[in-house]
Amino acid sequence: MRRINMESQIEEPKKYENILIEKYESVVGIAKLNRPNSLNALSAALMKELLDALNRFEADENIRCIIVTGGEKIFSAGADIKEMMKMSSIDALKAGNLDYFDQIQKVSKPIIAAISGYCLGGGLELAMACDILIAGENARFGQPEINIGVMPGAGGTQRLTRAVGKYKAMDLILTGRQISSKEAFEIGLLSRIVPDESVMIEAKRVALEIAAKSPLASGVAKDCVTKAFEMTLKDGLEFERKNFYLLLGSEDKEEGMKAFAEKRKAVFKGK
């Protein structure tokens, strides 16, 4: 999808029917799933709008971190089953709706998933396509696709396995059971757990903390961590090393090190 730098359009809430968007402190973009009557089911239309919004945040030079969230009682119950029931295998293949999840992971700016309530099926797969997962203490997680005769198809068998290991992933995917935030955190699926009422407060706090860092370094570091799951250790170390050397030539590196020596807060420009 072509990325368009049209900040004025980002400010138009009526542009999207299935999500709400806003900016926080001018440097954080927030996209909120907004299909409350459908438990924030991830329809093709919603996913298309979400990717469009993220690409617009990506193109906005002022935005340095992004938050994806849902409602207070439900992040997302998963895919839109009513929509899926009408699709044949060929229809689904041609539509390519599952590709949206991979495209979200390709956004170079850090993305925080702020999770309250139920985060199931495609909802969990969407969260796992993000970079940092912050959840309320009463949130619930699971890949229940097996209960309706299918399996995770938007990254669940792959990203979940990489996050929690083979045996925990097998347990969750083959039984379709739900787990608590506590268990999700213990098996490595979450970054942080906070009181339910503090999910967005913490997500915004972390987003501002990230936004204060060098956007160049953040983007490259995100890419390197992502590549760790796709490369051998030898290739990953070489990729990391080359990117480290590249950052040494940036203005942000000069500012960061100078600020450190002068015992002041660095002001990064992303150059």
C-alpha atoms as a PDB file:
ATOM      1  CA  MET A   1       0.000   0.000   0.000  1.00  0.00           C
ATOM      2  CA  ARG A   2       1.320   3.425  -0.976  1.00  0.00           C
ATOM      3  CA  ARG A   3       2.032   5.620   2.029  1.00  0.00           C
ATOM      4  CA  ILE A   4       0.717   9.172   1.799  1.00  0.00           C
ATOM      5  CA  ASN A   5       1.969  12.043   3.882  1.00  0.00           C
ATOM      6  CA  MET A   6      -1.318  13.897   4.397  1.00  0.00           C
ATOM      7  CA  GLU A   7      -1.404  14.890   8.066  1.00  0.00           C
ATOM      8  CA  SER A   8      -4.589  16.897   7.588  1.00  0.00           C
ATOM      9  CA  GLN A   9      -6.444  13.731   6.627  1.00  0.00           C
ATOM     10  CA  ILE A  10      -5.239  11.972   9.760  1.00  0.00           C
ATOM     11  CA  GLU A  11      -7.224  14.525  11.736  1.00  0.00           C
ATOM     12  CA  GLU A  12     -10.528  13.603  10.034  1.00  0.00           C
ATOM     13  CA  PRO A  13     -12.273  11.046  12.272  1.00  0.00           C
ATOM     14  CA  LYS A  14     -15.111  10.571   9.751  1.00  0.00           C
ATOM     15  CA  LYS A  15     -12.723   9.085   7.229  1.00  0.00           C
ATOM     16  CA  TYR A  16     -12.897   5.694   8.941  1.00  0.00           C
ATOM     17  CA  GLU A  17     -15.998   3.728   9.821  1.00  0.00           C
ATOM     18  CA  ASN A  18     -14.404   0.953  11.863  1.00  0.00           C
ATOM     19  CA  ILE A  19     -11.611   2.665  13.778  1.00  0.00           C
ATOM     20  CA  LEU A  20     -11.020   5.926  15.641  1.00  0.00           C
ATOM     21  CA  ILE A  21      -7.740   7.788  15.411  1.00  0.00           C
ATOM     22  CA  GLU A  22      -6.111  10.609  17.318  1.00  0.00           C
ATOM     23  CA  LYS A  23      -2.747  12.089  18.202  1.00  0.00           C
ATOM     24  CA  TYR A  24      -1.340  12.321  21.707  1.00  0.00           C
ATOM     25  CA  GLU A  25       1.143  15.050  22.560  1.00  0.00           C
ATOM     26  CA  SER A  26       1.748  15.459  18.798  1.00  0.00           C
ATOM     27  CA  VAL A  27       4.217  12.538  18.703  1.00  0.00           C
ATOM     28  CA  VAL A  28       2.038   9.478  19.377  1.00  0.00           C
ATOM     29  CA  GLY A  29      -0.539   8.150  16.936  1.00  0.00           C
ATOM     30  CA  ILE A  30      -3.448   6.180  18.411  1.00  0.00           C
ATOM     31  CA  ALA A  31      -5.693   3.827  16.428  1.00  0.00           C
ATOM     32  CA  LYS A  32      -8.683   2.377  18.290  1.00  0.00           C
ATOM     33  CA  LEU A  33     -10.730  -0.542  16.969  1.00  0.00           C
ATOM     34  CA  ASN A  34     -14.333   0.648  16.931  1.00  0.00           C
ATOM     35  CA  ARG A  35     -16.856  -2.093  16.167  1.00  0.00           C
ATOM     36  CA  PRO A  36     -18.358  -2.479  19.657  1.00  0.00           C
ATOM     37  CA  ASN A  37     -21.516  -4.181  18.396  1.00  0.00           C
ATOM     38  CA  SER A  38     -19.374  -6.878  16.762  1.00  0.00           C
ATOM     39  CA  LEU A  39     -16.905  -7.313  19.646  1.00  0.00           C
ATOM     40  CA  ASN A  40     -14.323  -5.484  17.519  1.00  0.00           C
ATOM     41  CA  ALA A  41     -14.323  -8.351  15.029  1.00  0.00           C
ATOM     42  CA  LEU A  42     -11.562  -7.860  12.482  1.00  0.00           C
ATOM     43  CA  SER A  43     -13.461  -7.488   9.234  1.00  0.00           C
ATOM     44  CA  ALA A  44     -11.615  -6.885   5.977  1.00  0.00           C
ATOM     45  CA  ALA A  45     -12.859  -3.293   6.035  1.00  0.00           C
ATOM     46  CA  LEU A  46     -11.509  -2.727   9.547  1.00  0.00           C
ATOM     47  CA  MET A  47      -8.113  -4.196   8.729  1.00  0.00           C
ATOM     48  CA  LYS A  48      -7.876  -2.115   5.559  1.00  0.00           C
ATOM     49  CA  GLU A  49      -8.660   1.045   7.513  1.00  0.00           C
ATOM     50  CA  LEU A  50      -6.230   0.131  10.292  1.00  0.00           C
ATOM     51  CA  LEU A  51      -3.365  -0.427   7.870  1.00  0.00           C
ATOM     52  CA  ASP A  52      -4.181   2.822   6.083  1.00  0.00           C
ATOM     53  CA  ALA A  53      -4.120   4.716   9.400  1.00  0.00           C
ATOM     54  CA  LEU A  54      -0.834   3.122  10.436  1.00  0.00           C
ATOM     55  CA  ASN A  55       0.730   3.988   7.082  1.00  0.00           C
ATOM     56  CA  ARG A  56      -0.391   7.581   7.505  1.00  0.00           C
ATOM     57  CA  PHE A  57       1.154   7.684  10.979  1.00  0.00           C
ATOM     58  CA  GLU A  58       4.264   6.145   9.440  1.00  0.00           C
ATOM     59  CA  ALA A  59       4.437   8.937   6.865  1.00  0.00           C
ATOM     60  CA  ASP A  60       3.857  11.675   9.465  1.00  0.00           C
ATOM     61  CA  GLU A  61       7.314  12.870  10.515  1.00  0.00           C
ATOM     62  CA  ASN A  62       5.987  14.130  13.845  1.00  0.00           C
ATOM     63  CA  ILE A  63       4.710  10.717  14.934  1.00  0.00           C
ATOM     64  CA  ARG A  64       7.388   8.609  16.615  1.00  0.00           C
ATOM     65  CA  CYS A  65       5.355   5.842  18.233  1.00  0.00           C
ATOM     66  CA  ILE A  66       1.946   4.270  17.610  1.00  0.00           C
ATOM     67  CA  ILE A  67      -0.641   2.690  19.918  1.00  0.00           C
ATOM     68  CA  VAL A  68      -3.243   0.179  18.747  1.00  0.00           C
ATOM     69  CA  THR A  69      -6.068  -0.428  21.204  1.00  0.00           C
ATOM     70  CA  GLY A  70      -9.673  -1.584  21.487  1.00  0.00           C
ATOM     71  CA  GLY A  71     -12.457  -1.095  24.005  1.00  0.00           C
ATOM     72  CA  GLU A  72     -12.295  -1.200  27.781  1.00  0.00           C
ATOM     73  CA  LYS A  73     -13.862  -4.682  27.932  1.00  0.00           C
ATOM     74  CA  ILE A  74     -12.637  -6.155  24.677  1.00  0.00           C
ATOM     75  CA  PHE A  75      -9.594  -5.611  22.515  1.00  0.00           C
ATOM     76  CA  SER A  76     -10.914  -7.907  19.783  1.00  0.00           C
ATOM     77  CA  ALA A  77     -12.766 -11.219  19.786  1.00  0.00           C
ATOM     78  CA  GLY A  78     -11.035 -12.172  16.543  1.00  0.00           C
ATOM     79  CA  ALA A  79     -11.975 -12.488  12.910  1.00  0.00           C
ATOM     80  CA  ASP A  80     -15.387 -11.578  11.568  1.00  0.00           C
ATOM     81  CA  ILE A  81     -16.928 -15.064  11.484  1.00  0.00           C
ATOM     82  CA  LYS A  82     -20.033 -13.940   9.587  1.00  0.00           C
ATOM     83  CA  GLU A  83     -17.775 -12.547   6.879  1.00  0.00           C
ATOM     84  CA  MET A  84     -15.657 -15.710   6.787  1.00  0.00           C
ATOM     85  CA  MET A  85     -18.695 -18.004   6.520  1.00  0.00           C
ATOM     86  CA  LYS A  86     -19.473 -16.573   3.093  1.00  0.00           C
ATOM     87  CA  MET A  87     -15.986 -17.134   1.695  1.00  0.00           C
ATOM     88  CA  SER A  88     -14.687 -20.171  -0.152  1.00  0.00           C
ATOM     89  CA  SER A  89     -11.013 -21.154  -0.051  1.00  0.00           C
ATOM     90  CA  ILE A  90     -10.472 -19.501  -3.433  1.00  0.00           C
ATOM     91  CA  ASP A  91     -12.321 -16.357  -2.349  1.00  0.00           C
ATOM     92  CA  ALA A  92     -10.129 -16.058   0.747  1.00  0.00           C
ATOM     93  CA  LEU A  93      -6.948 -16.671  -1.239  1.00  0.00           C
ATOM     94  CA  LYS A  94      -7.846 -14.010  -3.789  1.00  0.00           C
ATOM     95  CA  ALA A  95      -8.897 -11.488  -1.138  1.00  0.00           C
ATOM     96  CA  GLY A  96      -5.605 -11.866   0.728  1.00  0.00           C
ATOM     97  CA  ASN A  97      -7.041 -10.341   3.900  1.00  0.00           C
ATOM     98  CA  LEU A  98      -4.555 -12.176   6.112  1.00  0.00           C
ATOM     99  CA  ASP A  99      -1.756 -10.220   4.436  1.00  0.00           C
ATOM    100  CA  TYR A 100      -2.802  -7.141   6.436  1.00  0.00           C
ATOM    101  CA  PHE A 101      -1.205  -8.618   9.570  1.00  0.00           C
ATOM    102  CA  ASP A 102       2.178  -8.973   7.871  1.00  0.00           C
ATOM    103  CA  GLN A 103       1.922  -5.448   6.488  1.00  0.00           C
ATOM    104  CA  ILE A 104       1.300  -4.095   9.990  1.00  0.00           C
ATOM    105  CA  GLN A 105       4.482  -5.732  11.235  1.00  0.00           C
ATOM    106  CA  LYS A 106       6.397  -3.982   8.435  1.00  0.00           C
ATOM    107  CA  VAL A 107       5.583  -0.510   9.799  1.00  0.00           C
ATOM    108  CA  SER A 108       8.982   0.811  10.875  1.00  0.00           C
ATOM    109  CA  LYS A 109       7.777   2.881  13.844  1.00  0.00           C
ATOM    110  CA  PRO A 110       7.315   1.095  17.185  1.00  0.00           C
ATOM    111  CA  ILE A 111       3.749  -0.076  17.775  1.00  0.00           C
ATOM    112  CA  ILE A 112       2.314  -0.699  21.241  1.00  0.00           C
ATOM    113  CA  ALA A 113      -0.741  -2.923  21.672  1.00  0.00           C
ATOM    114  CA  ALA A 114      -2.793  -1.640  24.628  1.00  0.00           C
ATOM    115  CA  ILE A 115      -5.028  -4.556  25.598  1.00  0.00           C
ATOM    116  CA  SER A 116      -8.090  -4.557  27.828  1.00  0.00           C
ATOM    117  CA  GLY A 117     -10.542  -7.417  28.139  1.00  0.00           C
ATOM    118  CA  TYR A 118     -10.705 -10.233  25.610  1.00  0.00           C
ATOM    119  CA  CYS A 119      -7.916 -10.601  23.067  1.00  0.00           C
ATOM    120  CA  LEU A 120      -8.734 -13.734  21.116  1.00  0.00           C
ATOM    121  CA  GLY A 121      -7.997 -15.347  17.768  1.00  0.00           C
ATOM    122  CA  GLY A 122      -7.230 -12.693  15.188  1.00  0.00           C
ATOM    123  CA  GLY A 123      -7.239 -10.141  17.987  1.00  0.00           C
ATOM    124  CA  LEU A 124      -4.263 -11.875  19.577  1.00  0.00           C
ATOM    125  CA  GLU A 125      -2.622 -12.234  16.175  1.00  0.00           C
ATOM    126  CA  LEU A 126      -3.041  -8.481  15.665  1.00  0.00           C
ATOM    127  CA  ALA A 127      -1.503  -7.794  19.066  1.00  0.00           C
ATOM    128  CA  MET A 128       1.420 -10.088  18.263  1.00  0.00           C
ATOM    129  CA  ALA A 129       2.052  -8.143  15.044  1.00  0.00           C
ATOM    130  CA  CYS A 130       2.819  -5.168  17.308  1.00  0.00           C
ATOM    131  CA  ASP A 131       6.095  -4.644  19.181  1.00  0.00           C
ATOM    132  CA  ILE A 132       5.183  -4.137  22.838  1.00  0.00           C
ATOM    133  CA  LEU A 133       2.110  -5.692  24.489  1.00  0.00           C
ATOM    134  CA  ILE A 134       0.673  -3.944  27.548  1.00  0.00           C
ATOM    135  CA  ALA A 135      -2.392  -5.559  29.108  1.00  0.00           C
ATOM    136  CA  GLY A 136      -4.807  -5.047  31.955  1.00  0.00           C
ATOM    137  CA  GLU A 137      -4.680  -7.538  34.809  1.00  0.00           C
ATOM    138  CA  ASN A 138      -8.090  -8.981  33.882  1.00  0.00           C
ATOM    139  CA  ALA A 139      -7.452  -9.353  30.144  1.00  0.00           C
ATOM    140  CA  ARG A 140      -7.914 -12.781  28.558  1.00  0.00           C
ATOM    141  CA  PHE A 141      -5.943 -14.343  25.709  1.00  0.00           C
ATOM    142  CA  GLY A 142      -6.369 -17.318  23.422  1.00  0.00           C
ATOM    143  CA  GLN A 143      -6.356 -18.848  19.955  1.00  0.00           C
ATOM    144  CA  PRO A 144      -9.805 -20.525  19.906  1.00  0.00           C
ATOM    145  CA  GLU A 145      -9.968 -21.168  16.147  1.00  0.00           C
ATOM    146  CA  ILE A 146      -9.829 -24.952  16.706  1.00  0.00           C
ATOM    147  CA  ASN A 147     -13.284 -24.695  18.299  1.00  0.00           C
ATOM    148  CA  ILE A 148     -14.868 -23.707  14.991  1.00  0.00           C
ATOM    149  CA  GLY A 149     -13.002 -26.220  12.859  1.00  0.00           C
ATOM    150  CA  VAL A 150     -10.116 -24.104  11.620  1.00  0.00           C
ATOM    151  CA  MET A 151      -6.740 -22.909  12.909  1.00  0.00           C
ATOM    152  CA  PRO A 152      -4.922 -19.602  13.353  1.00  0.00           C
ATOM    153  CA  GLY A 153      -4.144 -18.169   9.932  1.00  0.00           C
ATOM    154  CA  ALA A 154      -2.840 -14.650  10.590  1.00  0.00           C
ATOM    155  CA  GLY A 155       0.407 -15.576  12.316  1.00  0.00           C
ATOM    156  CA  GLY A 156      -0.833 -17.440  15.386  1.00  0.00           C
ATOM    157  CA  THR A 157       1.031 -20.681  14.746  1.00  0.00           C
ATOM    158  CA  GLN A 158       4.217 -18.771  13.961  1.00  0.00           C
ATOM    159  CA  ARG A 159       4.369 -15.652  16.167  1.00  0.00           C
ATOM    160  CA  LEU A 160       2.860 -17.388  19.196  1.00  0.00           C
ATOM    161  CA  THR A 161       5.349 -20.257  18.916  1.00  0.00           C
ATOM    162  CA  ARG A 162       8.246 -17.821  18.686  1.00  0.00           C
ATOM    163  CA  ALA A 163       6.951 -15.914  21.697  1.00  0.00           C
ATOM    164  CA  VAL A 164       6.153 -18.757  24.092  1.00  0.00           C
ATOM    165  CA  GLY A 165       7.798 -21.873  22.661  1.00  0.00           C
ATOM    166  CA  LYS A 166       6.494 -25.018  20.972  1.00  0.00           C
ATOM    167  CA  TYR A 167       4.782 -26.721  23.890  1.00  0.00           C
ATOM    168  CA  LYS A 168       2.839 -23.751  25.246  1.00  0.00           C
ATOM    169  CA  ALA A 169       1.810 -22.810  21.701  1.00  0.00           C
ATOM    170  CA  MET A 170       0.625 -26.361  21.047  1.00  0.00           C
ATOM    171  CA  ASP A 171      -1.373 -26.302  24.271  1.00  0.00           C
ATOM    172  CA  LEU A 172      -3.119 -23.023  23.453  1.00  0.00           C
ATOM    173  CA  ILE A 173      -3.745 -23.727  19.766  1.00  0.00           C
ATOM    174  CA  LEU A 174      -4.883 -27.361  20.066  1.00  0.00           C
ATOM    175  CA  THR A 175      -7.161 -26.843  23.083  1.00  0.00           C
ATOM    176  CA  GLY A 176      -8.387 -23.354  22.210  1.00  0.00           C
ATOM    177  CA  ARG A 177      -8.335 -22.482  25.903  1.00  0.00           C
ATOM    178  CA  GLN A 178      -8.108 -18.952  27.250  1.00  0.00           C
ATOM    179  CA  ILE A 179      -5.415 -17.768  29.635  1.00  0.00           C
ATOM    180  CA  SER A 180      -5.164 -14.874  32.064  1.00  0.00           C
ATOM    181  CA  SER A 181      -2.838 -11.901  31.821  1.00  0.00           C
ATOM    182  CA  LYS A 182      -0.778 -13.436  34.611  1.00  0.00           C
ATOM    183  CA  GLU A 183      -0.209 -16.660  32.692  1.00  0.00           C
ATOM    184  CA  ALA A 184       0.342 -14.767  29.431  1.00  0.00           C
ATOM    185  CA  PHE A 185       3.032 -12.684  31.102  1.00  0.00           C
ATOM    186  CA  GLU A 186       4.668 -15.709  32.723  1.00  0.00           C
ATOM    187  CA  ILE A 187       5.029 -17.543  29.402  1.00  0.00           C
ATOM    188  CA  GLY A 188       6.493 -14.498  27.657  1.00  0.00           C
ATOM    189  CA  LEU A 189       3.490 -13.287  25.663  1.00  0.00           C
ATOM    190  CA  LEU A 190       3.190  -9.873  27.329  1.00  0.00           C
ATOM    191  CA  SER A 191       5.590  -7.025  27.987  1.00  0.00           C
ATOM    192  CA  ARG A 192       3.763  -5.564  31.007  1.00  0.00           C
ATOM    193  CA  ILE A 193       0.642  -6.017  33.139  1.00  0.00           C
ATOM    194  CA  VAL A 194      -1.054  -3.032  34.772  1.00  0.00           C
ATOM    195  CA  PRO A 195      -4.392  -2.400  36.536  1.00  0.00           C
ATOM    196  CA  ASP A 196      -7.240  -2.409  34.031  1.00  0.00           C
ATOM    197  CA  GLU A 197      -7.884   1.296  34.429  1.00  0.00           C
ATOM    198  CA  SER A 198      -4.235   2.099  33.729  1.00  0.00           C
ATOM    199  CA  VAL A 199      -3.756   0.330  30.385  1.00  0.00           C
ATOM    200  CA  MET A 200      -3.921   3.426  28.197  1.00  0.00           C
ATOM    201  CA  ILE A 201      -2.147   5.544  30.793  1.00  0.00           C
ATOM    202  CA  GLU A 202       0.792   3.137  30.756  1.00  0.00           C
ATOM    203  CA  ALA A 203       0.705   2.740  26.981  1.00  0.00           C
ATOM    204  CA  LYS A 204       0.847   6.512  26.506  1.00  0.00           C
ATOM    205  CA  ARG A 205       3.638   6.830  29.077  1.00  0.00           C
ATOM    206  CA  VAL A 206       5.733   4.176  27.335  1.00  0.00           C
ATOM    207  CA  ALA A 207       4.948   5.682  23.923  1.00  0.00           C
ATOM    208  CA  LEU A 208       6.186   9.107  25.051  1.00  0.00           C
ATOM    209  CA  GLU A 209       9.308   7.501  26.493  1.00  0.00           C
ATOM    210  CA  ILE A 210      10.021   5.849  23.144  1.00  0.00           C
ATOM    211  CA  ALA A 211       9.139   9.033  21.245  1.00  0.00           C
ATOM    212  CA  ALA A 212      11.838  10.897  23.161  1.00  0.00           C
ATOM    213  CA  LYS A 213      14.528   8.569  21.779  1.00  0.00           C
ATOM    214  CA  SER A 214      16.179   8.762  18.382  1.00  0.00           C
ATOM    215  CA  PRO A 215      13.582   7.691  15.783  1.00  0.00           C
ATOM    216  CA  LEU A 216      16.412   6.438  13.598  1.00  0.00           C
ATOM    217  CA  ALA A 217      17.778   4.209  16.337  1.00  0.00           C
ATOM    218  CA  SER A 218      14.287   3.009  17.314  1.00  0.00           C
ATOM    219  CA  GLY A 219      13.409   2.014  13.773  1.00  0.00           C
ATOM    220  CA  VAL A 220      16.694   0.213  13.165  1.00  0.00           C
ATOM    221  CA  ALA A 221      16.571  -1.537  16.555  1.00  0.00           C
ATOM    222  CA  LYS A 222      13.016  -2.725  15.838  1.00  0.00           C
ATOM    223  CA  ASP A 223      14.146  -4.100  12.485  1.00  0.00           C
ATOM    224  CA  CYS A 224      17.080  -5.924  14.061  1.00  0.00           C
ATOM    225  CA  VAL A 225      14.933  -7.550  16.762  1.00  0.00           C
ATOM    226  CA  THR A 226      12.400  -8.636  14.131  1.00  0.00           C
ATOM    227  CA  LYS A 227      15.167 -10.111  11.999  1.00  0.00           C
ATOM    228  CA  ALA A 228      16.326 -12.178  14.992  1.00  0.00           C
ATOM    229  CA  PHE A 229      13.396 -14.515  14.319  1.00  0.00           C
ATOM    230  CA  GLU A 230      14.190 -14.824  10.634  1.00  0.00           C
ATOM    231  CA  MET A 231      17.983 -15.244  10.556  1.00  0.00           C
ATOM    232  CA  THR A 232      20.629 -17.531  11.922  1.00  0.00           C
ATOM    233  CA  LEU A 233      22.580 -16.138  14.871  1.00  0.00           C
ATOM    234  CA  LYS A 234      25.580 -15.536  12.615  1.00  0.00           C
ATOM    235  CA  ASP A 235      23.553 -13.596  10.022  1.00  0.00           C
ATOM    236  CA  GLY A 236      21.647 -11.720  12.715  1.00  0.00           C
ATOM    237  CA  LEU A 237      24.835 -10.563  14.422  1.00  0.00           C
ATOM    238  CA  GLU A 238      26.233  -9.366  11.111  1.00  0.00           C
ATOM    239  CA  PHE A 239      22.989  -7.489  10.362  1.00  0.00           C
ATOM    240  CA  GLU A 240      23.048  -5.917  13.820  1.00  0.00           C
ATOM    241  CA  ARG A 241      26.688  -4.898  13.515  1.00  0.00           C
ATOM    242  CA  LYS A 242      26.217  -3.198  10.136  1.00  0.00           C
ATOM    243  CA  ASN A 243      23.226  -1.229  11.409  1.00  0.00           C
ATOM    244  CA  PHE A 244      25.142  -0.168  14.508  1.00  0.00           C
ATOM    245  CA  TYR A 245      27.928   1.194  12.299  1.00  0.00           C
ATOM    246  CA  LEU A 246      25.371   3.053  10.156  1.00  0.00           C
ATOM    247  CA  LEU A 247      23.896   4.781  13.192  1.00  0.00           C
ATOM    248  CA  LEU A 248      27.337   6.046  14.161  1.00  0.00           C
ATOM    249  CA  GLY A 249      27.106   8.376  11.169  1.00  0.00           C
ATOM    250  CA  SER A 250      23.821   9.982  12.193  1.00  0.00           C
ATOM    251  CA  GLU A 251      23.201  13.439  13.630  1.00  0.00           C
ATOM    252  CA  ASP A 252      21.154  11.776  16.369  1.00  0.00           C
ATOM    253  CA  LYS A 253      24.248   9.881  17.475  1.00  0.00           C
ATOM    254  CA  GLU A 254      26.214  13.128  17.663  1.00  0.00           C
ATOM    255  CA  GLU A 255      23.441  14.795  19.659  1.00  0.00           C
ATOM    256  CA  GLY A 256      22.916  11.820  21.953  1.00  0.00           C
ATOM    257  CA  MET A 257      26.561  11.446  22.889  1.00  0.00           C
ATOM    258  CA  LYS A 258      27.080  15.184  23.215  1.00  0.00           C
ATOM    259  CA  ALA A 259      24.041  15.459  25.486  1.00  0.00           C
ATOM    260  CA  PHE A 260      25.339  12.570  27.591  1.00  0.00           C
ATOM    261  CA  ALA A 261      28.721  14.283  28.020  1.00  0.00           C
ATOM    262  CA  GLU A 262      27.036  17.590  28.856  1.00  0.00           C
ATOM    263  CA  LYS A 263      24.608  15.894  31.280  1.00  0.00           C
ATOM    264  CA  ARG A 264      21.501  17.207  29.553  1.00  0.00           C
ATOM    265  CA  LYS A 265      18.501  15.711  27.801  1.00  0.00           C
ATOM    266  CA  ALA A 266      19.097  14.908  24.146  1.00  0.00           C
ATOM    267  CA  VAL A 267      16.863  16.392  21.465  1.00  0.00           C
ATOM    268  CA  PHE A 268      16.683  13.954  18.585  1.00  0.00           C
ATOM    269  CA  LYS A 269      15.639  15.026  15.088  1.00  0.00           C
ATOM    270  CA  GLY A 270      15.680  11.714  13.277  1.00  0.00           C
ATOM    271  CA  LYS A 271      18.632  12.655  11.098  1.00  0.00           C
END
